[in-house]
């Protein structure tokens, strides 16, 4: 009887980042999914021209309000590529977009990229500050609420979090303006001050819109992180850490917070889309010259080329952020890192 030779699986491809080593399989699958998502979003943006009621070329030429020359309509239709199939238009648009050419605005006669570049930093600053404020609120109150589960502080945090989630962004913006701009007069209600004019004036101009955007996110982050902390504090490894005599601070920060924060990583990526949508309303209320206000103005004037460029930039940003969140998952969760999940 011949003994069977045990088979040894070939090592899976991996790459190193610092002292950590990751299998490329999960990362590659995520890269493929995100690439497909990006293609679908940009293609649907191109398809948007066909889905709109009426003839976009007539609307852009002003044919909805007065009679225009047919030659002008045909020229606009040719510039928009409406005389080509949607697949041809998408191929041309992708080729131009890869070189940084998103077309020319019919409203301002400027390249779309020139309209976007000054506005993107404003929206990014508001979104980053909003995320920072929301995460700070959650990281302060959620662990304490989990430690005092079922007590008055925990119930109070839960009530405040639920209230923050329930209030629409535009209501939060109006309330903040009324309190801090009208009654107290400590913060401006409208306008934007660039950072070149000073850090303090810049922060004052973006604090209220960032707070309005952060309110709902803070409520969601706090509720999710508290639930994760409660579950982590009841696990065997935290019980063992307490039995070893470790302080509560060490148990919470080193043993309970890290696994409890994994769902929060997903929420941070997903909330980016919500913040972009909220920025459209917030920038209108606070008269901020960001991409949210630009997209509203472009939609109102049927400047579809600009809308298409904005959607593409937002989609790329959203895909990149979620890709970074996936990498953060690989770093934070050893089960994904070693291909066990």
Protein backbone atom coordinates (compact mmCIF):
# COMPACT_ATOMS: atom_id res chain seq x y z
CA UNK A 1 0.00 0.00 0.00
CA UNK A 2 1.50 3.28 -1.10
CA UNK A 3 1.16 6.15 1.32
CA UNK A 4 -0.45 9.23 -0.09
CA UNK A 5 1.76 12.25 -0.33
CA UNK A 6 0.14 15.20 1.41
CA UNK A 7 -0.55 18.09 -0.88
CA UNK A 8 0.62 21.53 0.01
CA UNK A 9 -1.36 24.47 -1.25
CA UNK A 10 0.66 27.00 -3.17
CA UNK A 11 1.03 30.26 -1.28
CA UNK A 12 -1.45 32.88 -2.33
CA UNK A 13 -0.08 36.13 -3.73
CA UNK A 14 0.28 38.85 -1.15
CA UNK A 15 1.94 42.20 -0.55
CA UNK A 16 3.45 43.85 2.49
CA UNK A 17 2.66 47.20 4.07
CA UNK A 18 4.99 47.94 6.93
CA UNK A 19 4.93 45.00 9.31
CA UNK A 20 1.62 43.74 7.96
CA UNK A 21 1.12 41.31 5.12
CA UNK A 22 -2.07 41.09 3.06
CA UNK A 23 -3.43 38.63 0.58
CA UNK A 24 -4.14 40.30 -2.74
CA UNK A 25 -7.30 38.27 -3.37
CA UNK A 26 -9.78 40.35 -1.28
CA UNK A 27 -8.12 43.58 -2.41
CA UNK A 28 -8.28 42.58 -6.07
CA UNK A 29 -11.96 41.61 -5.82
CA UNK A 30 -12.77 44.94 -4.21
CA UNK A 31 -10.81 46.77 -6.91
CA UNK A 32 -12.80 45.03 -9.64
CA UNK A 33 -16.13 45.81 -7.96
CA UNK A 34 -15.24 49.45 -7.49
CA UNK A 35 -14.07 49.76 -11.11
CA UNK A 36 -17.35 48.27 -12.33
CA UNK A 37 -19.26 50.68 -10.09
CA UNK A 38 -17.36 53.63 -11.52
CA UNK A 39 -18.07 52.54 -15.11
CA UNK A 40 -21.79 52.09 -14.37
CA UNK A 41 -22.14 55.47 -12.66
CA UNK A 42 -20.35 57.39 -15.41
CA UNK A 43 -22.29 55.54 -18.11
CA UNK A 44 -25.61 56.33 -16.43
CA UNK A 45 -24.50 59.97 -16.29
CA UNK A 46 -24.06 59.92 -20.06
CA UNK A 47 -27.42 58.20 -20.42
CA UNK A 48 -28.97 61.04 -18.42
CA UNK A 49 -29.14 63.16 -21.58
CA UNK A 50 -31.48 60.62 -23.17
CA UNK A 51 -33.65 60.25 -20.06
CA UNK A 52 -34.47 63.93 -19.66
CA UNK A 53 -37.85 64.97 -21.10
CA UNK A 54 -37.77 67.09 -24.23
CA UNK A 55 -34.76 68.00 -26.33
CA UNK A 56 -31.82 69.21 -24.19
CA UNK A 57 -30.39 71.11 -27.16
CA UNK A 58 -33.61 73.14 -27.50
CA UNK A 59 -33.66 73.88 -23.77
CA UNK A 60 -30.01 74.99 -23.75
CA UNK A 61 -30.59 77.22 -26.77
CA UNK A 62 -33.50 78.88 -24.97
CA UNK A 63 -36.19 77.37 -27.16
CA UNK A 64 -38.45 76.93 -24.13
CA UNK A 65 -38.92 80.70 -23.85
CA UNK A 66 -38.38 82.09 -27.35
CA UNK A 67 -37.85 80.90 -30.89
CA UNK A 68 -34.27 80.05 -31.85
CA UNK A 69 -32.57 79.23 -35.11
CA UNK A 70 -32.58 75.56 -36.10
CA UNK A 71 -28.93 75.83 -37.06
CA UNK A 72 -28.05 76.80 -33.47
CA UNK A 73 -29.99 73.81 -32.14
CA UNK A 74 -28.20 71.45 -34.50
CA UNK A 75 -24.83 72.88 -33.51
CA UNK A 76 -25.60 72.38 -29.81
CA UNK A 77 -26.85 68.88 -30.53
CA UNK A 78 -23.60 68.13 -32.34
CA UNK A 79 -21.48 69.59 -29.51
CA UNK A 80 -23.35 67.48 -26.95
CA UNK A 81 -23.03 64.41 -29.14
CA UNK A 82 -26.80 63.93 -29.25
CA UNK A 83 -26.50 62.95 -32.90
CA UNK A 84 -24.51 59.87 -31.82
CA UNK A 85 -25.52 56.74 -29.93
CA UNK A 86 -25.15 56.68 -26.16
CA UNK A 87 -22.26 54.21 -26.42
CA UNK A 88 -20.38 56.46 -28.83
CA UNK A 89 -20.97 59.44 -26.57
CA UNK A 90 -19.74 57.53 -23.57
CA UNK A 91 -16.58 56.38 -25.35
CA UNK A 92 -15.78 59.93 -26.48
CA UNK A 93 -16.51 61.33 -23.03
CA UNK A 94 -14.28 58.75 -21.29
CA UNK A 95 -11.45 59.45 -23.71
CA UNK A 96 -11.70 63.19 -23.07
CA UNK A 97 -12.19 62.80 -19.30
CA UNK A 98 -9.04 60.70 -18.96
CA UNK A 99 -7.10 63.70 -20.27
CA UNK A 100 -8.86 66.06 -17.86
CA UNK A 101 -11.30 67.45 -20.44
CA UNK A 102 -14.87 67.38 -19.05
CA UNK A 103 -16.24 69.64 -21.76
CA UNK A 104 -17.22 73.31 -21.82
CA UNK A 105 -20.08 74.84 -19.87
CA UNK A 106 -22.87 76.26 -22.03
CA UNK A 107 -23.79 78.64 -19.23
CA UNK A 108 -20.40 80.29 -18.63
CA UNK A 109 -18.46 79.18 -21.74
CA UNK A 110 -15.68 78.00 -19.42
CA UNK A 111 -14.10 74.54 -19.29
CA UNK A 112 -15.92 72.44 -16.68
CA UNK A 113 -12.65 71.53 -14.98
CA UNK A 114 -11.95 75.26 -14.45
CA UNK A 115 -15.34 75.61 -12.78
CA UNK A 116 -14.72 72.60 -10.53
CA UNK A 117 -11.14 73.15 -9.35
CA UNK A 118 -11.80 76.26 -7.19
CA UNK A 119 -14.94 74.72 -5.70
CA UNK A 120 -13.76 71.21 -4.83
CA UNK A 121 -11.51 72.30 -1.90
CA UNK A 122 -14.43 74.17 -0.31
CA UNK A 123 -16.72 71.15 -0.37
CA UNK A 124 -13.92 68.84 0.78
CA UNK A 125 -13.11 71.12 3.71
CA UNK A 126 -16.74 71.16 4.84
CA UNK A 127 -17.06 67.38 4.49
CA UNK A 128 -13.81 66.62 6.32
CA UNK A 129 -14.66 68.97 9.18
CA UNK A 130 -18.15 67.45 9.39
CA UNK A 131 -16.70 63.93 9.55
CA UNK A 132 -14.18 65.03 12.19
CA UNK A 133 -16.92 66.57 14.35
CA UNK A 134 -19.21 63.56 13.96
CA UNK A 135 -16.44 61.07 14.78
CA UNK A 136 -15.28 63.16 17.73
CA UNK A 137 -18.80 63.18 19.18
CA UNK A 138 -19.14 59.41 18.72
CA UNK A 139 -15.70 58.54 20.12
CA UNK A 140 -16.34 60.63 23.23
CA UNK A 141 -19.89 59.62 24.12
CA UNK A 142 -20.36 56.10 22.71
CA UNK A 143 -17.72 54.33 24.87
CA UNK A 144 -18.95 56.06 28.03
CA UNK A 145 -22.55 55.17 27.20
CA UNK A 146 -21.52 51.53 26.65
CA UNK A 147 -19.74 51.42 30.01
CA UNK A 148 -22.85 52.76 31.75
CA UNK A 149 -25.28 50.64 29.73
CA UNK A 150 -28.88 51.10 30.82
CA UNK A 151 -28.14 54.01 33.16
CA UNK A 152 -29.22 57.63 32.89
CA UNK A 153 -26.16 58.75 30.88
CA UNK A 154 -26.64 55.94 28.37
CA UNK A 155 -30.32 56.76 27.94
CA UNK A 156 -29.48 60.44 27.51
CA UNK A 157 -26.90 59.73 24.82
CA UNK A 158 -29.35 57.45 23.01
CA UNK A 159 -32.05 60.14 23.09
CA UNK A 160 -29.69 62.84 21.79
CA UNK A 161 -28.39 60.54 19.06
CA UNK A 162 -31.90 59.66 17.96
CA UNK A 163 -32.85 63.35 17.89
CA UNK A 164 -29.80 64.22 15.77
CA UNK A 165 -30.64 61.49 13.27
CA UNK A 166 -34.28 62.57 13.06
CA UNK A 167 -33.68 66.26 12.27
CA UNK A 168 -33.19 67.03 8.54
CA UNK A 169 -30.01 68.81 7.56
CA UNK A 170 -31.75 71.98 6.37
CA UNK A 171 -33.58 72.29 9.71
CA UNK A 172 -30.29 71.92 11.59
CA UNK A 173 -28.78 74.60 9.36
CA UNK A 174 -31.61 77.05 10.02
CA UNK A 175 -31.49 76.45 13.79
CA UNK A 176 -27.72 76.93 13.87
CA UNK A 177 -27.99 80.18 11.90
CA UNK A 178 -30.69 81.45 14.26
CA UNK A 179 -28.66 80.66 17.39
CA UNK A 180 -25.05 81.42 16.47
CA UNK A 181 -25.45 84.03 13.71
CA UNK A 182 -28.65 85.92 14.55
CA UNK A 183 -28.93 85.74 18.35
CA UNK A 184 -25.31 85.36 19.48
CA UNK A 185 -23.64 86.92 16.44
CA UNK A 186 -20.44 84.92 16.88
CA UNK A 187 -20.41 83.17 13.49
CA UNK A 188 -21.27 84.34 9.96
CA UNK A 189 -24.46 82.99 8.43
CA UNK A 190 -23.37 83.11 4.79
CA UNK A 191 -20.25 83.36 2.66
CA UNK A 192 -16.87 81.70 2.60
CA UNK A 193 -13.49 83.02 3.73
CA UNK A 194 -10.49 81.31 2.09
CA UNK A 195 -7.77 79.92 4.31
CA UNK A 196 -5.35 82.42 2.77
CA UNK A 197 -7.21 85.14 4.69
CA UNK A 198 -6.50 83.40 7.99
CA UNK A 199 -7.26 80.06 9.63
CA UNK A 200 -9.65 81.47 12.24
CA UNK A 201 -11.83 83.43 9.75
CA UNK A 202 -11.82 80.38 7.48
CA UNK A 203 -12.96 78.04 10.26
CA UNK A 204 -15.65 80.52 11.31
CA UNK A 205 -17.06 80.56 7.78
CA UNK A 206 -17.29 76.75 7.50
CA UNK A 207 -18.13 75.80 11.09
CA UNK A 208 -21.91 76.24 10.88
CA UNK A 209 -22.36 74.32 7.60
CA UNK A 210 -20.05 71.59 8.91
CA UNK A 211 -22.06 71.32 12.12
CA UNK A 212 -25.27 71.10 10.10
CA UNK A 213 -23.83 68.23 8.06
CA UNK A 214 -22.27 66.54 11.09
CA UNK A 215 -25.42 66.46 13.22
CA UNK A 216 -27.12 63.46 11.62
CA UNK A 217 -23.80 61.66 11.05
CA UNK A 218 -22.87 62.11 14.72
CA UNK A 219 -26.12 60.47 15.79
CA UNK A 220 -25.62 57.50 13.47
CA UNK A 221 -21.95 57.04 14.37
CA UNK A 222 -22.73 57.18 18.10
CA UNK A 223 -25.53 54.61 17.96
CA UNK A 224 -23.47 52.18 15.84
CA UNK A 225 -20.31 52.55 17.91
CA UNK A 226 -22.22 52.21 21.20
CA UNK A 227 -23.84 48.98 20.01
CA UNK A 228 -20.44 47.63 18.95
CA UNK A 229 -18.87 48.63 22.25
CA UNK A 230 -21.60 46.92 24.25
CA UNK A 231 -21.04 43.70 22.31
CA UNK A 232 -17.23 43.96 22.62
CA UNK A 233 -17.35 44.55 26.37
CA UNK A 234 -19.27 41.29 26.78
CA UNK A 235 -16.77 39.21 24.80
CA UNK A 236 -14.43 36.72 26.47
CA UNK A 237 -11.25 38.63 25.59
CA UNK A 238 -12.42 41.78 27.36
CA UNK A 239 -13.54 39.71 30.34
CA UNK A 240 -10.05 38.16 30.43
CA UNK A 241 -8.43 41.61 30.21
CA UNK A 242 -10.49 42.79 33.16
CA UNK A 243 -9.63 39.62 35.10
CA UNK A 244 -5.94 40.39 34.57
CA UNK A 245 -6.45 43.65 36.41
CA UNK A 246 -6.17 46.02 33.45
CA UNK A 247 -7.73 49.42 33.95
CA UNK A 248 -11.04 50.30 32.37
CA UNK A 249 -9.33 52.82 30.10
CA UNK A 250 -6.96 50.19 28.75
CA UNK A 251 -9.74 47.63 28.29
CA UNK A 252 -11.89 50.09 26.38
CA UNK A 253 -9.17 51.67 24.23
CA UNK A 254 -7.08 48.58 23.43
CA UNK A 255 -9.48 45.66 23.56
CA UNK A 256 -13.05 46.87 22.95
CA UNK A 257 -12.78 49.94 20.73
CA UNK A 258 -10.91 48.39 17.79
CA UNK A 259 -13.35 45.55 16.94
CA UNK A 260 -16.30 47.81 17.70
CA UNK A 261 -15.07 50.41 15.21
CA UNK A 262 -15.17 48.06 12.20
CA UNK A 263 -18.84 48.81 11.33
CA UNK A 264 -17.97 52.47 11.79
CA UNK A 265 -15.40 52.23 8.97
CA UNK A 266 -18.14 51.10 6.59
CA UNK A 267 -20.40 53.93 7.73
CA UNK A 268 -17.67 56.50 7.14
CA UNK A 269 -17.37 55.40 3.52
CA UNK A 270 -21.13 55.23 2.97
CA UNK A 271 -21.77 58.55 4.70
CA UNK A 272 -19.63 60.31 2.11
CA UNK A 273 -22.50 60.03 -0.35
CA UNK A 274 -24.90 61.39 2.24
CA UNK A 275 -22.58 64.31 2.98
CA UNK A 276 -22.30 65.13 -0.72
CA UNK A 277 -26.09 65.14 -0.99
CA UNK A 278 -26.35 67.23 2.16
CA UNK A 279 -23.74 69.65 0.82
CA UNK A 280 -26.04 70.49 -2.08
CA UNK A 281 -28.63 71.85 0.37
CA UNK A 282 -26.19 73.23 2.92
CA UNK A 283 -24.15 75.19 0.39
CA UNK A 284 -27.34 76.78 -0.91
CA UNK A 285 -28.44 77.81 2.59
CA UNK A 286 -25.03 79.22 3.61
CA UNK A 287 -24.24 80.64 0.13
CA UNK A 288 -21.00 78.70 -0.15
CA UNK A 289 -19.34 78.49 -3.58
CA UNK A 290 -18.83 74.71 -3.52
CA UNK A 291 -19.72 71.97 -5.97
CA UNK A 292 -23.13 71.50 -4.34
CA UNK A 293 -24.18 75.01 -5.23
CA UNK A 294 -22.64 74.64 -8.69
CA UNK A 295 -24.67 71.52 -9.45
CA UNK A 296 -27.91 73.26 -8.41
CA UNK A 297 -27.17 76.26 -10.63
CA UNK A 298 -26.22 73.94 -13.52
CA UNK A 299 -29.42 71.90 -13.21
CA UNK A 300 -31.56 75.03 -13.08
CA UNK A 301 -29.95 76.30 -16.30
CA UNK A 302 -29.88 72.87 -18.00
CA UNK A 303 -26.08 73.03 -18.21
CA UNK A 304 -25.83 69.28 -18.67
CA UNK A 305 -22.15 69.20 -19.57
CA UNK A 306 -21.28 70.71 -16.19
CA UNK A 307 -23.66 68.36 -14.38
CA UNK A 308 -22.06 65.40 -16.11
CA UNK A 309 -18.58 66.52 -15.05
CA UNK A 310 -19.67 67.09 -11.45
CA UNK A 311 -21.32 63.67 -11.19
CA UNK A 312 -18.20 62.03 -12.62
CA UNK A 313 -15.91 63.77 -10.11
CA UNK A 314 -18.21 62.90 -7.22
CA UNK A 315 -18.43 59.27 -8.37
CA UNK A 316 -14.65 58.97 -8.64
CA UNK A 317 -14.24 60.49 -5.17
CA UNK A 318 -16.85 58.16 -3.71
CA UNK A 319 -15.18 55.10 -5.26
CA UNK A 320 -11.74 56.14 -4.03
CA UNK A 321 -12.98 56.76 -0.49
CA UNK A 322 -14.69 53.37 -0.32
CA UNK A 323 -11.54 51.76 -1.71
CA UNK A 324 -9.54 53.34 1.12
CA UNK A 325 -12.14 52.09 3.60
CA UNK A 326 -11.65 48.56 2.25
CA UNK A 327 -7.90 48.88 2.79
CA UNK A 328 -8.57 50.13 6.33
CA UNK A 329 -10.67 47.02 6.88
CA UNK A 330 -7.72 44.87 5.84
CA UNK A 331 -5.53 46.67 8.35
CA UNK A 332 -8.04 46.58 11.20
CA UNK A 333 -9.47 43.06 10.83
CA UNK A 334 -6.95 40.17 10.85
CA UNK A 335 -9.61 37.73 9.58
CA UNK A 336 -9.91 39.64 6.29
CA UNK A 337 -6.15 40.18 6.17
CA UNK A 338 -5.47 36.43 6.25
CA UNK A 339 -8.32 35.54 3.90
CA UNK A 340 -10.51 33.94 6.59
CA UNK A 341 -13.52 36.15 5.96
